[in-house]
């Protein structure tokens, strides 16, 4: 073997080694890139899950607050006819001679009203001459207006309306002038 052949052989070996080193570096770089991409995907997945969880917490918290606000709504709605009965009974009892019975019933009525008020119940205030609003009032009939200025206005309130918080749970039933 000549010196020239040995040199060529060495050059070939060196060239192959350089190619192997280059391939190994590329593999390391591609593995590194792959790991970076995987990490980025996992970070994005984590952020999405975190955002979804935060939205879930907000939504359930809001639902829970709404539930607490209106938790007793069914019971309160069921008690409204009792309030109506007291409203009808008190004027009649006031006419009787038994003032003690009237005072007793009036105390019970006031206690019931205060208890319901403490739970958030409010009366929807409506009086004769108020403008009829279909969003608030429930018109049960229309009659000819006794005065021109009462056309399209509330003439009489048949049944009181109530709201619980900001929500109307019973619309006032009214007679409207036409």
N, C-alpha and C. Protein backbone atom coordinates (compact mmCIF):
# COMPACT_ATOMS: atom_id res chain seq x y z
N UNK A 1 0.83 -1.16 0.00
CA UNK A 1 0.00 0.00 0.00
C UNK A 1 0.88 1.23 0.00
N UNK A 2 0.49 2.11 -0.81
CA UNK A 2 1.30 3.31 -0.91
C UNK A 2 0.77 4.36 0.03
N UNK A 3 1.59 5.35 0.12
CA UNK A 3 1.25 6.44 1.02
C UNK A 3 0.02 7.18 0.53
N UNK A 4 -0.11 7.25 -0.76
CA UNK A 4 -1.24 7.92 -1.36
C UNK A 4 -2.52 7.15 -1.03
N UNK A 5 -2.48 5.84 -1.13
CA UNK A 5 -3.65 5.01 -0.83
C UNK A 5 -4.05 5.16 0.64
N UNK A 6 -3.07 5.19 1.51
CA UNK A 6 -3.35 5.33 2.95
C UNK A 6 -3.99 6.68 3.23
N UNK A 7 -3.51 7.70 2.57
CA UNK A 7 -4.05 9.04 2.78
C UNK A 7 -5.50 9.09 2.29
N UNK A 8 -5.75 8.50 1.16
CA UNK A 8 -7.11 8.48 0.62
C UNK A 8 -8.03 7.71 1.56
N UNK A 9 -7.51 6.59 2.07
CA UNK A 9 -8.29 5.79 2.99
C UNK A 9 -8.59 6.58 4.27
N UNK A 10 -7.61 7.27 4.78
CA UNK A 10 -7.79 8.10 5.98
C UNK A 10 -8.80 9.23 5.70
N UNK A 11 -8.69 9.83 4.54
CA UNK A 11 -9.62 10.89 4.16
C UNK A 11 -11.06 10.35 4.12
N UNK A 12 -11.17 9.14 3.57
CA UNK A 12 -12.48 8.52 3.50
C UNK A 12 -13.04 8.25 4.88
N UNK A 13 -12.22 7.73 5.76
CA UNK A 13 -12.64 7.44 7.15
C UNK A 13 -13.04 8.74 7.85
N UNK A 14 -12.22 9.76 7.70
CA UNK A 14 -12.53 11.06 8.31
C UNK A 14 -13.84 11.62 7.77
N UNK A 15 -14.03 11.50 6.48
CA UNK A 15 -15.25 12.00 5.85
C UNK A 15 -16.48 11.25 6.39
N UNK A 16 -16.36 9.93 6.52
CA UNK A 16 -17.45 9.12 7.07
C UNK A 16 -17.72 9.52 8.51
N UNK A 17 -16.68 9.74 9.31
CA UNK A 17 -16.83 10.16 10.70
C UNK A 17 -17.54 11.51 10.79
N UNK A 18 -17.14 12.43 9.90
CA UNK A 18 -17.77 13.75 9.88
C UNK A 18 -19.25 13.63 9.55
N UNK A 19 -19.58 12.75 8.60
CA UNK A 19 -20.98 12.55 8.23
C UNK A 19 -21.76 11.96 9.40
N UNK A 20 -21.13 11.00 10.11
CA UNK A 20 -21.79 10.38 11.27
C UNK A 20 -22.01 11.42 12.37
N UNK A 21 -20.98 12.23 12.62
CA UNK A 21 -21.09 13.28 13.64
C UNK A 21 -22.20 14.25 13.23
N UNK A 22 -22.22 14.61 11.95
CA UNK A 22 -23.24 15.53 11.45
C UNK A 22 -24.64 14.92 11.61
N UNK A 23 -24.80 13.64 11.28
CA UNK A 23 -26.08 12.96 11.44
C UNK A 23 -26.48 12.90 12.90
N UNK A 24 -25.51 12.60 13.79
CA UNK A 24 -25.79 12.54 15.23
C UNK A 24 -26.24 13.90 15.75
N UNK A 25 -25.56 14.95 15.28
CA UNK A 25 -25.93 16.31 15.69
C UNK A 25 -27.34 16.64 15.20
N UNK A 26 -27.64 16.24 13.95
CA UNK A 26 -28.97 16.49 13.42
C UNK A 26 -30.03 15.72 14.21
N UNK A 27 -29.70 14.47 14.56
CA UNK A 27 -30.63 13.68 15.37
C UNK A 27 -30.86 14.34 16.71
N UNK A 28 -29.74 14.82 17.34
CA UNK A 28 -29.88 15.49 18.64
C UNK A 28 -30.71 16.76 18.49
N UNK A 29 -30.46 17.51 17.43
CA UNK A 29 -31.21 18.73 17.19
C UNK A 29 -32.68 18.40 16.94
N UNK A 30 -32.93 17.38 16.12
CA UNK A 30 -34.32 17.04 15.83
C UNK A 30 -35.01 16.49 17.08
N UNK A 31 -34.33 15.73 17.90
CA UNK A 31 -34.90 15.25 19.16
C UNK A 31 -35.19 16.44 20.07
N UNK A 32 -34.25 17.37 20.11
CA UNK A 32 -34.43 18.57 20.93
C UNK A 32 -35.63 19.39 20.43
N UNK A 33 -35.73 19.55 19.10
CA UNK A 33 -36.88 20.27 18.54
C UNK A 33 -38.18 19.54 18.84
N UNK A 34 -38.14 18.24 18.72
CA UNK A 34 -39.32 17.44 18.99
C UNK A 34 -39.76 17.61 20.45
N UNK A 35 -38.80 17.59 21.36
CA UNK A 35 -39.11 17.78 22.79
C UNK A 35 -39.67 19.17 23.04
N UNK A 36 -39.12 20.17 22.36
CA UNK A 36 -39.63 21.54 22.51
C UNK A 36 -41.07 21.63 22.02
N UNK A 37 -41.35 20.99 20.89
CA UNK A 37 -42.71 21.01 20.35
C UNK A 37 -43.68 20.29 21.30
N UNK A 38 -43.24 19.15 21.83
CA UNK A 38 -44.07 18.43 22.79
C UNK A 38 -44.35 19.27 24.02
N UNK A 39 -43.31 19.95 24.50
CA UNK A 39 -43.47 20.81 25.67
C UNK A 39 -44.45 21.95 25.36
N UNK A 40 -44.34 22.54 24.19
CA UNK A 40 -45.25 23.63 23.80
C UNK A 40 -46.69 23.12 23.73
N UNK A 41 -46.89 21.91 23.18
CA UNK A 41 -48.23 21.33 23.10
C UNK A 41 -48.80 21.10 24.50
N UNK A 42 -47.97 20.56 25.37
CA UNK A 42 -48.43 20.29 26.74
C UNK A 42 -48.75 21.59 27.48
N UNK A 43 -47.94 22.63 27.26
CA UNK A 43 -48.22 23.93 27.88
C UNK A 43 -49.56 24.47 27.40
N UNK A 44 -49.80 24.37 26.09
CA UNK A 44 -51.06 24.87 25.53
C UNK A 44 -52.24 24.08 26.09
N UNK A 45 -52.08 22.76 26.18
CA UNK A 45 -53.13 21.91 26.72
C UNK A 45 -53.41 22.30 28.18
N UNK A 46 -52.36 22.53 28.94
CA UNK A 46 -52.50 22.93 30.35
C UNK A 46 -53.23 24.26 30.46
N UNK A 47 -52.84 25.23 29.65
CA UNK A 47 -53.48 26.55 29.69
C UNK A 47 -54.96 26.45 29.34
N UNK A 48 -55.29 25.64 28.35
CA UNK A 48 -56.70 25.46 27.98
C UNK A 48 -57.49 24.82 29.12
N UNK A 49 -56.92 23.79 29.71
CA UNK A 49 -57.60 23.13 30.84
C UNK A 49 -57.78 24.10 32.01
N UNK A 50 -56.76 24.88 32.27
CA UNK A 50 -56.82 25.86 33.36
C UNK A 50 -57.91 26.89 33.08
N UNK A 51 -57.98 27.37 31.85
CA UNK A 51 -59.01 28.36 31.47
C UNK A 51 -60.40 27.75 31.58
N UNK A 52 -60.56 26.51 31.13
CA UNK A 52 -61.86 25.83 31.23
C UNK A 52 -62.26 25.67 32.69
N UNK A 53 -61.30 25.32 33.54
CA UNK A 53 -61.59 25.14 34.96
C UNK A 53 -62.00 26.47 35.61
N UNK A 54 -61.32 27.54 35.26
CA UNK A 54 -61.67 28.87 35.79
C UNK A 54 -63.08 29.26 35.35
N UNK A 55 -63.41 29.00 34.09
CA UNK A 55 -64.77 29.29 33.60
C UNK A 55 -65.80 28.45 34.35
N UNK A 56 -65.47 27.19 34.58
CA UNK A 56 -66.37 26.31 35.33
C UNK A 56 -66.60 26.85 36.74
N UNK A 57 -65.52 27.26 37.40
CA UNK A 57 -65.65 27.80 38.76
C UNK A 57 -66.53 29.04 38.76
N UNK A 58 -66.32 29.94 37.82
CA UNK A 58 -67.13 31.16 37.75
C UNK A 58 -68.60 30.83 37.50
N UNK A 59 -68.83 29.91 36.56
CA UNK A 59 -70.20 29.55 36.21
C UNK A 59 -70.91 28.91 37.41
N UNK A 60 -70.27 27.96 38.08
CA UNK A 60 -70.92 27.30 39.21
C UNK A 60 -71.11 28.27 40.37
N UNK A 61 -70.17 29.18 40.55
CA UNK A 61 -70.32 30.18 41.60
C UNK A 61 -71.53 31.07 41.32
N UNK A 62 -71.67 31.48 40.07
CA UNK A 62 -72.80 32.33 39.68
C UNK A 62 -74.11 31.56 39.86
N UNK A 63 -74.14 30.29 39.43
CA UNK A 63 -75.34 29.48 39.58
C UNK A 63 -75.70 29.30 41.06
N UNK A 64 -74.69 29.10 41.89
CA UNK A 64 -74.93 28.93 43.32
C UNK A 64 -75.52 30.20 43.93
N UNK A 65 -74.98 31.36 43.51
CA UNK A 65 -75.50 32.64 44.02
C UNK A 65 -76.96 32.82 43.59
N UNK A 66 -77.28 32.48 42.34
CA UNK A 66 -78.66 32.57 41.87
C UNK A 66 -79.57 31.63 42.67
N UNK A 67 -79.06 30.44 42.96
CA UNK A 67 -79.84 29.47 43.73
C UNK A 67 -80.12 30.00 45.12
N UNK A 68 -79.11 30.60 45.76
CA UNK A 68 -79.32 31.16 47.10
C UNK A 68 -80.31 32.31 47.06
N UNK A 69 -80.25 33.13 46.02
CA UNK A 69 -81.16 34.26 45.91
C UNK A 69 -82.60 33.81 45.79
N UNK A 70 -82.82 32.75 45.04
CA UNK A 70 -84.19 32.32 44.78
C UNK A 70 -84.50 30.95 45.38
N UNK A 71 -83.73 30.54 46.38
CA UNK A 71 -83.93 29.22 46.96
C UNK A 71 -85.33 29.06 47.54
N UNK A 72 -85.84 30.09 48.16
CA UNK A 72 -87.15 29.99 48.78
C UNK A 72 -88.27 30.47 47.88
N UNK A 73 -88.01 30.66 46.61
CA UNK A 73 -89.01 31.24 45.70
C UNK A 73 -90.30 30.43 45.69
N UNK A 74 -90.19 29.12 45.61
CA UNK A 74 -91.40 28.30 45.56
C UNK A 74 -92.23 28.45 46.82
N UNK A 75 -91.57 28.47 47.97
CA UNK A 75 -92.27 28.61 49.25
C UNK A 75 -92.92 29.99 49.33
N UNK A 76 -92.18 31.00 48.92
CA UNK A 76 -92.71 32.37 48.97
C UNK A 76 -93.90 32.52 48.04
N UNK A 77 -93.80 31.97 46.83
CA UNK A 77 -94.92 32.04 45.88
C UNK A 77 -96.14 31.32 46.48
N UNK A 78 -95.91 30.22 47.17
CA UNK A 78 -97.01 29.49 47.80
C UNK A 78 -97.63 30.29 48.95
N UNK A 79 -96.87 31.18 49.56
CA UNK A 79 -97.38 31.99 50.68
C UNK A 79 -98.14 33.23 50.22
N UNK A 80 -98.02 33.63 48.97
CA UNK A 80 -98.68 34.84 48.48
C UNK A 80 -100.20 34.80 48.62
N UNK A 81 -100.87 33.68 48.37
CA UNK A 81 -102.33 33.66 48.60
C UNK A 81 -102.69 33.90 50.08
N UNK A 82 -101.84 33.50 51.00
CA UNK A 82 -102.08 33.75 52.42
C UNK A 82 -102.01 35.26 52.69
N UNK A 83 -101.02 35.92 52.07
CA UNK A 83 -100.91 37.37 52.20
C UNK A 83 -102.16 38.03 51.64
N UNK A 84 -102.64 37.54 50.49
CA UNK A 84 -103.87 38.08 49.90
C UNK A 84 -105.06 37.89 50.84
N UNK A 85 -105.13 36.72 51.48
CA UNK A 85 -106.24 36.46 52.41
C UNK A 85 -106.19 37.43 53.59
N UNK A 86 -105.00 37.71 54.10
CA UNK A 86 -104.88 38.69 55.18
C UNK A 86 -105.35 40.06 54.71
N UNK A 87 -104.99 40.44 53.47
CA UNK A 87 -105.42 41.74 52.94
C UNK A 87 -106.94 41.84 52.85
N UNK A 88 -107.60 40.75 52.56
CA UNK A 88 -109.06 40.75 52.48
C UNK A 88 -109.70 40.66 53.87
N UNK A 89 -109.05 39.92 54.78
CA UNK A 89 -109.63 39.69 56.10
C UNK A 89 -109.50 40.92 57.02
N UNK A 90 -108.40 41.62 56.96
CA UNK A 90 -108.17 42.73 57.89
C UNK A 90 -109.23 43.83 57.80
N UNK A 91 -109.63 44.28 56.60
CA UNK A 91 -110.68 45.31 56.55
C UNK A 91 -112.02 44.82 57.13
N UNK A 92 -112.31 43.54 56.94
CA UNK A 92 -113.56 43.00 57.48
C UNK A 92 -113.48 42.88 59.00
N UNK A 93 -112.33 42.45 59.52
CA UNK A 93 -112.17 42.34 60.97
C UNK A 93 -112.19 43.72 61.64
N UNK A 94 -111.73 44.73 60.93
CA UNK A 94 -111.72 46.08 61.49
C UNK A 94 -113.15 46.57 61.73
N UNK A 95 -114.11 46.04 60.96
CA UNK A 95 -115.51 46.43 61.13
C UNK A 95 -116.15 45.77 62.34
N UNK A 96 -115.58 44.64 62.81
CA UNK A 96 -116.19 43.91 63.93
C UNK A 96 -115.93 44.64 65.25
N UNK A 97 -116.67 44.24 66.25
CA UNK A 97 -116.53 44.87 67.57
C UNK A 97 -115.38 44.27 68.36
N UNK A 98 -114.88 43.09 67.97
CA UNK A 98 -113.80 42.42 68.70
C UNK A 98 -112.46 43.00 68.27
N UNK A 99 -112.05 44.08 68.93
CA UNK A 99 -110.80 44.77 68.57
C UNK A 99 -109.56 43.93 68.91
N UNK A 100 -109.67 43.08 69.92
CA UNK A 100 -108.53 42.23 70.30
C UNK A 100 -108.24 41.20 69.21
N UNK A 101 -109.28 40.62 68.64
CA UNK A 101 -109.09 39.66 67.54
C UNK A 101 -108.46 40.36 66.34
N UNK A 102 -108.92 41.58 66.06
CA UNK A 102 -108.36 42.35 64.96
C UNK A 102 -106.87 42.60 65.18
N UNK A 103 -106.50 43.01 66.41
CA UNK A 103 -105.08 43.28 66.73
C UNK A 103 -104.25 42.01 66.58
N UNK A 104 -104.78 40.88 67.02
CA UNK A 104 -104.05 39.61 66.93
C UNK A 104 -103.80 39.21 65.48
N UNK A 105 -104.83 39.30 64.66
CA UNK A 105 -104.69 38.94 63.24
C UNK A 105 -103.76 39.93 62.55
N UNK A 106 -103.85 41.20 62.92
CA UNK A 106 -102.98 42.22 62.33
C UNK A 106 -101.51 41.95 62.69
N UNK A 107 -101.26 41.53 63.93
CA UNK A 107 -99.88 41.19 64.34
C UNK A 107 -99.34 40.00 63.53
N UNK A 108 -100.18 38.99 63.34
CA UNK A 108 -99.76 37.82 62.55
C UNK A 108 -99.48 38.23 61.11
N UNK A 109 -100.36 39.06 60.56
CA UNK A 109 -100.18 39.54 59.19
C UNK A 109 -98.87 40.31 59.05
N UNK A 110 -98.62 41.22 59.99
CA UNK A 110 -97.38 42.01 59.94
C UNK A 110 -96.14 41.13 60.08
N UNK A 111 -96.22 40.13 60.96
CA UNK A 111 -95.08 39.23 61.15
C UNK A 111 -94.80 38.45 59.87
N UNK A 112 -95.85 37.96 59.23
CA UNK A 112 -95.69 37.23 57.97
C UNK A 112 -95.06 38.13 56.91
N UNK A 113 -95.58 39.35 56.78
CA UNK A 113 -95.05 40.28 55.79
C UNK A 113 -93.57 40.62 56.06
N UNK A 114 -93.22 40.84 57.30
CA UNK A 114 -91.83 41.17 57.65
C UNK A 114 -90.90 39.98 57.38
N UNK A 115 -91.38 38.78 57.67
CA UNK A 115 -90.57 37.58 57.40
C UNK A 115 -90.32 37.44 55.90
N UNK A 116 -91.37 37.61 55.10
CA UNK A 116 -91.22 37.50 53.65
C UNK A 116 -90.34 38.64 53.11
N UNK A 117 -90.48 39.82 53.70
CA UNK A 117 -89.66 40.96 53.28
C UNK A 117 -88.18 40.70 53.58
N UNK A 118 -87.90 40.07 54.72
CA UNK A 118 -86.50 39.77 55.08
C UNK A 118 -85.88 38.74 54.13
N UNK A 119 -86.73 37.96 53.45
CA UNK A 119 -86.25 36.97 52.48
C UNK A 119 -86.14 37.57 51.08
N UNK A 120 -86.43 38.88 50.95
CA UNK A 120 -86.24 39.56 49.67
C UNK A 120 -87.51 39.87 48.91
N UNK A 121 -88.67 39.58 49.48
CA UNK A 121 -89.93 39.82 48.80
C UNK A 121 -90.29 41.30 48.89
N UNK A 122 -90.66 41.87 47.75
CA UNK A 122 -91.09 43.27 47.69
C UNK A 122 -92.38 43.34 46.89
N UNK A 123 -93.24 44.26 47.29
CA UNK A 123 -94.47 44.48 46.54
C UNK A 123 -94.15 45.35 45.33
N UNK A 124 -94.76 45.01 44.19
CA UNK A 124 -94.64 45.84 43.00
C UNK A 124 -95.69 46.94 43.15
N UNK A 125 -95.23 48.16 43.32
CA UNK A 125 -96.13 49.29 43.58
C UNK A 125 -96.87 49.68 42.30
N UNK A 126 -98.19 49.63 42.36
CA UNK A 126 -99.04 50.04 41.25
C UNK A 126 -100.22 50.79 41.85
N UNK A 127 -100.57 51.91 41.23
CA UNK A 127 -101.74 52.66 41.69
C UNK A 127 -102.53 53.15 40.49
N UNK A 128 -103.74 53.59 40.75
CA UNK A 128 -104.60 54.10 39.70
C UNK A 128 -103.92 55.28 39.02
N UNK A 129 -103.94 55.27 37.70
CA UNK A 129 -103.35 56.36 36.94
C UNK A 129 -101.95 56.05 36.42
N UNK A 130 -101.34 54.96 36.89
CA UNK A 130 -100.02 54.56 36.36
C UNK A 130 -100.18 54.11 34.91
N UNK A 131 -99.17 54.37 34.11
CA UNK A 131 -99.18 53.93 32.73
C UNK A 131 -99.06 52.41 32.68
N UNK A 132 -99.89 51.77 31.86
CA UNK A 132 -99.85 50.32 31.72
C UNK A 132 -98.56 49.91 31.02
N UNK A 133 -97.86 48.95 31.61
CA UNK A 133 -96.62 48.41 31.04
C UNK A 133 -96.75 46.89 30.98
N UNK A 134 -96.80 46.33 29.78
CA UNK A 134 -96.99 44.89 29.61
C UNK A 134 -95.86 44.07 30.21
N UNK A 135 -94.69 44.67 30.39
CA UNK A 135 -93.56 43.96 31.00
C UNK A 135 -93.78 43.74 32.49
N UNK A 136 -94.52 44.64 33.11
CA UNK A 136 -94.71 44.60 34.57
C UNK A 136 -96.12 44.14 34.93
N UNK A 137 -97.13 44.71 34.26
CA UNK A 137 -98.52 44.46 34.62
C UNK A 137 -99.12 43.32 33.82
N UNK A 138 -100.14 42.72 34.41
CA UNK A 138 -100.92 41.68 33.74
C UNK A 138 -102.34 42.22 33.63
N UNK A 139 -102.74 42.65 32.42
CA UNK A 139 -104.07 43.22 32.22
C UNK A 139 -105.09 42.10 32.14
N UNK A 140 -106.07 42.11 33.05
CA UNK A 140 -107.08 41.06 33.01
C UNK A 140 -108.31 41.50 32.24
N UNK A 141 -108.50 42.81 32.12
CA UNK A 141 -109.60 43.32 31.30
C UNK A 141 -109.37 44.78 30.96
N UNK A 142 -110.13 45.23 29.97
CA UNK A 142 -110.11 46.65 29.60
C UNK A 142 -111.54 47.16 29.72
N UNK A 143 -111.68 48.35 30.28
CA UNK A 143 -113.00 48.96 30.38
C UNK A 143 -112.90 50.37 29.83
N UNK A 144 -114.03 50.94 29.44
CA UNK A 144 -113.98 52.33 28.98
C UNK A 144 -113.46 53.22 30.12
N UNK A 145 -112.53 54.09 29.79
CA UNK A 145 -111.93 54.95 30.80
C UNK A 145 -112.95 55.96 31.29
N UNK A 146 -113.09 56.11 32.64
CA UNK A 146 -114.04 57.09 33.17
C UNK A 146 -113.63 58.53 32.81
N UNK A 147 -112.35 58.74 32.65
CA UNK A 147 -111.84 60.06 32.26
C UNK A 147 -110.90 59.86 31.08
N UNK A 148 -110.80 60.86 30.24
CA UNK A 148 -109.93 60.78 29.07
C UNK A 148 -108.47 60.55 29.45
N UNK A 149 -108.03 61.13 30.55
CA UNK A 149 -106.63 61.00 30.94
C UNK A 149 -106.28 59.60 31.45
N UNK A 150 -107.28 58.73 31.67
CA UNK A 150 -107.02 57.37 32.13
C UNK A 150 -106.96 56.35 30.99
N UNK A 151 -107.04 56.81 29.74
CA UNK A 151 -106.92 55.88 28.61
C UNK A 151 -105.50 55.32 28.56
N UNK A 152 -105.39 53.97 28.52
CA UNK A 152 -104.08 53.32 28.49
C UNK A 152 -103.40 53.31 29.85
N UNK A 153 -104.16 53.68 30.87
CA UNK A 153 -103.61 53.73 32.23
C UNK A 153 -104.30 52.69 33.10
N UNK A 154 -103.71 52.41 34.25
CA UNK A 154 -104.27 51.47 35.21
C UNK A 154 -105.46 52.16 35.89
N UNK A 155 -106.60 51.47 35.86
CA UNK A 155 -107.79 52.01 36.52
C UNK A 155 -107.96 51.38 37.90
N UNK A 156 -107.69 50.07 38.00
CA UNK A 156 -107.85 49.37 39.28
C UNK A 156 -106.84 48.23 39.37
N UNK A 157 -106.42 47.93 40.60
CA UNK A 157 -105.51 46.82 40.85
C UNK A 157 -106.33 45.70 41.49
N UNK A 158 -106.43 44.58 40.80
CA UNK A 158 -107.23 43.44 41.27
C UNK A 158 -106.41 42.57 42.23
N UNK A 159 -105.14 42.33 41.87
CA UNK A 159 -104.26 41.50 42.70
C UNK A 159 -102.87 42.11 42.70
N UNK A 160 -102.30 42.23 43.88
CA UNK A 160 -100.97 42.83 44.01
C UNK A 160 -99.91 41.95 43.35
N UNK A 161 -98.87 42.59 42.88
CA UNK A 161 -97.74 41.87 42.31
C UNK A 161 -96.57 41.90 43.27
N UNK A 162 -95.68 40.94 43.13
CA UNK A 162 -94.52 40.86 44.00
C UNK A 162 -93.28 40.49 43.20
N UNK A 163 -92.15 40.95 43.72
CA UNK A 163 -90.88 40.54 43.12
C UNK A 163 -89.95 40.05 44.21
N UNK A 164 -89.10 39.13 43.83
CA UNK A 164 -88.11 38.55 44.72
C UNK A 164 -86.76 38.97 44.18
N UNK A 165 -86.10 39.89 44.88
CA UNK A 165 -84.88 40.48 44.34
C UNK A 165 -85.26 41.35 43.17
N UNK A 166 -84.68 41.09 42.00
CA UNK A 166 -84.99 41.86 40.80
C UNK A 166 -86.00 41.16 39.90
N UNK A 167 -86.39 39.96 40.27
CA UNK A 167 -87.26 39.14 39.42
C UNK A 167 -88.71 39.22 39.89
N UNK A 168 -89.61 39.54 38.97
CA UNK A 168 -91.03 39.57 39.31
C UNK A 168 -91.53 38.13 39.37
N UNK A 169 -92.06 37.74 40.54
CA UNK A 169 -92.55 36.37 40.70
C UNK A 169 -94.06 36.29 40.55
N UNK A 170 -94.75 37.45 40.69
CA UNK A 170 -96.18 37.52 40.39
C UNK A 170 -96.48 38.93 39.89
N UNK A 171 -96.96 39.00 38.66
CA UNK A 171 -97.29 40.30 38.07
C UNK A 171 -98.58 40.82 38.68
N UNK A 172 -98.65 42.13 38.90
CA UNK A 172 -99.91 42.69 39.41
C UNK A 172 -101.00 42.58 38.34
N UNK A 173 -102.17 42.13 38.76
CA UNK A 173 -103.30 42.02 37.83
C UNK A 173 -104.10 43.32 37.90
N UNK A 174 -104.25 43.95 36.72
CA UNK A 174 -104.85 45.28 36.69
C UNK A 174 -105.96 45.37 35.65
N UNK A 175 -106.80 46.40 35.85
CA UNK A 175 -107.83 46.75 34.87
C UNK A 175 -107.30 48.00 34.16
N UNK A 176 -107.38 47.98 32.83
CA UNK A 176 -106.82 49.09 32.03
C UNK A 176 -107.95 49.83 31.34
N UNK A 177 -107.82 51.14 31.24
CA UNK A 177 -108.81 51.96 30.55
C UNK A 177 -108.54 52.00 29.06
N UNK A 178 -109.65 51.99 28.27
CA UNK A 178 -109.47 52.07 26.82
C UNK A 178 -110.21 53.26 26.26
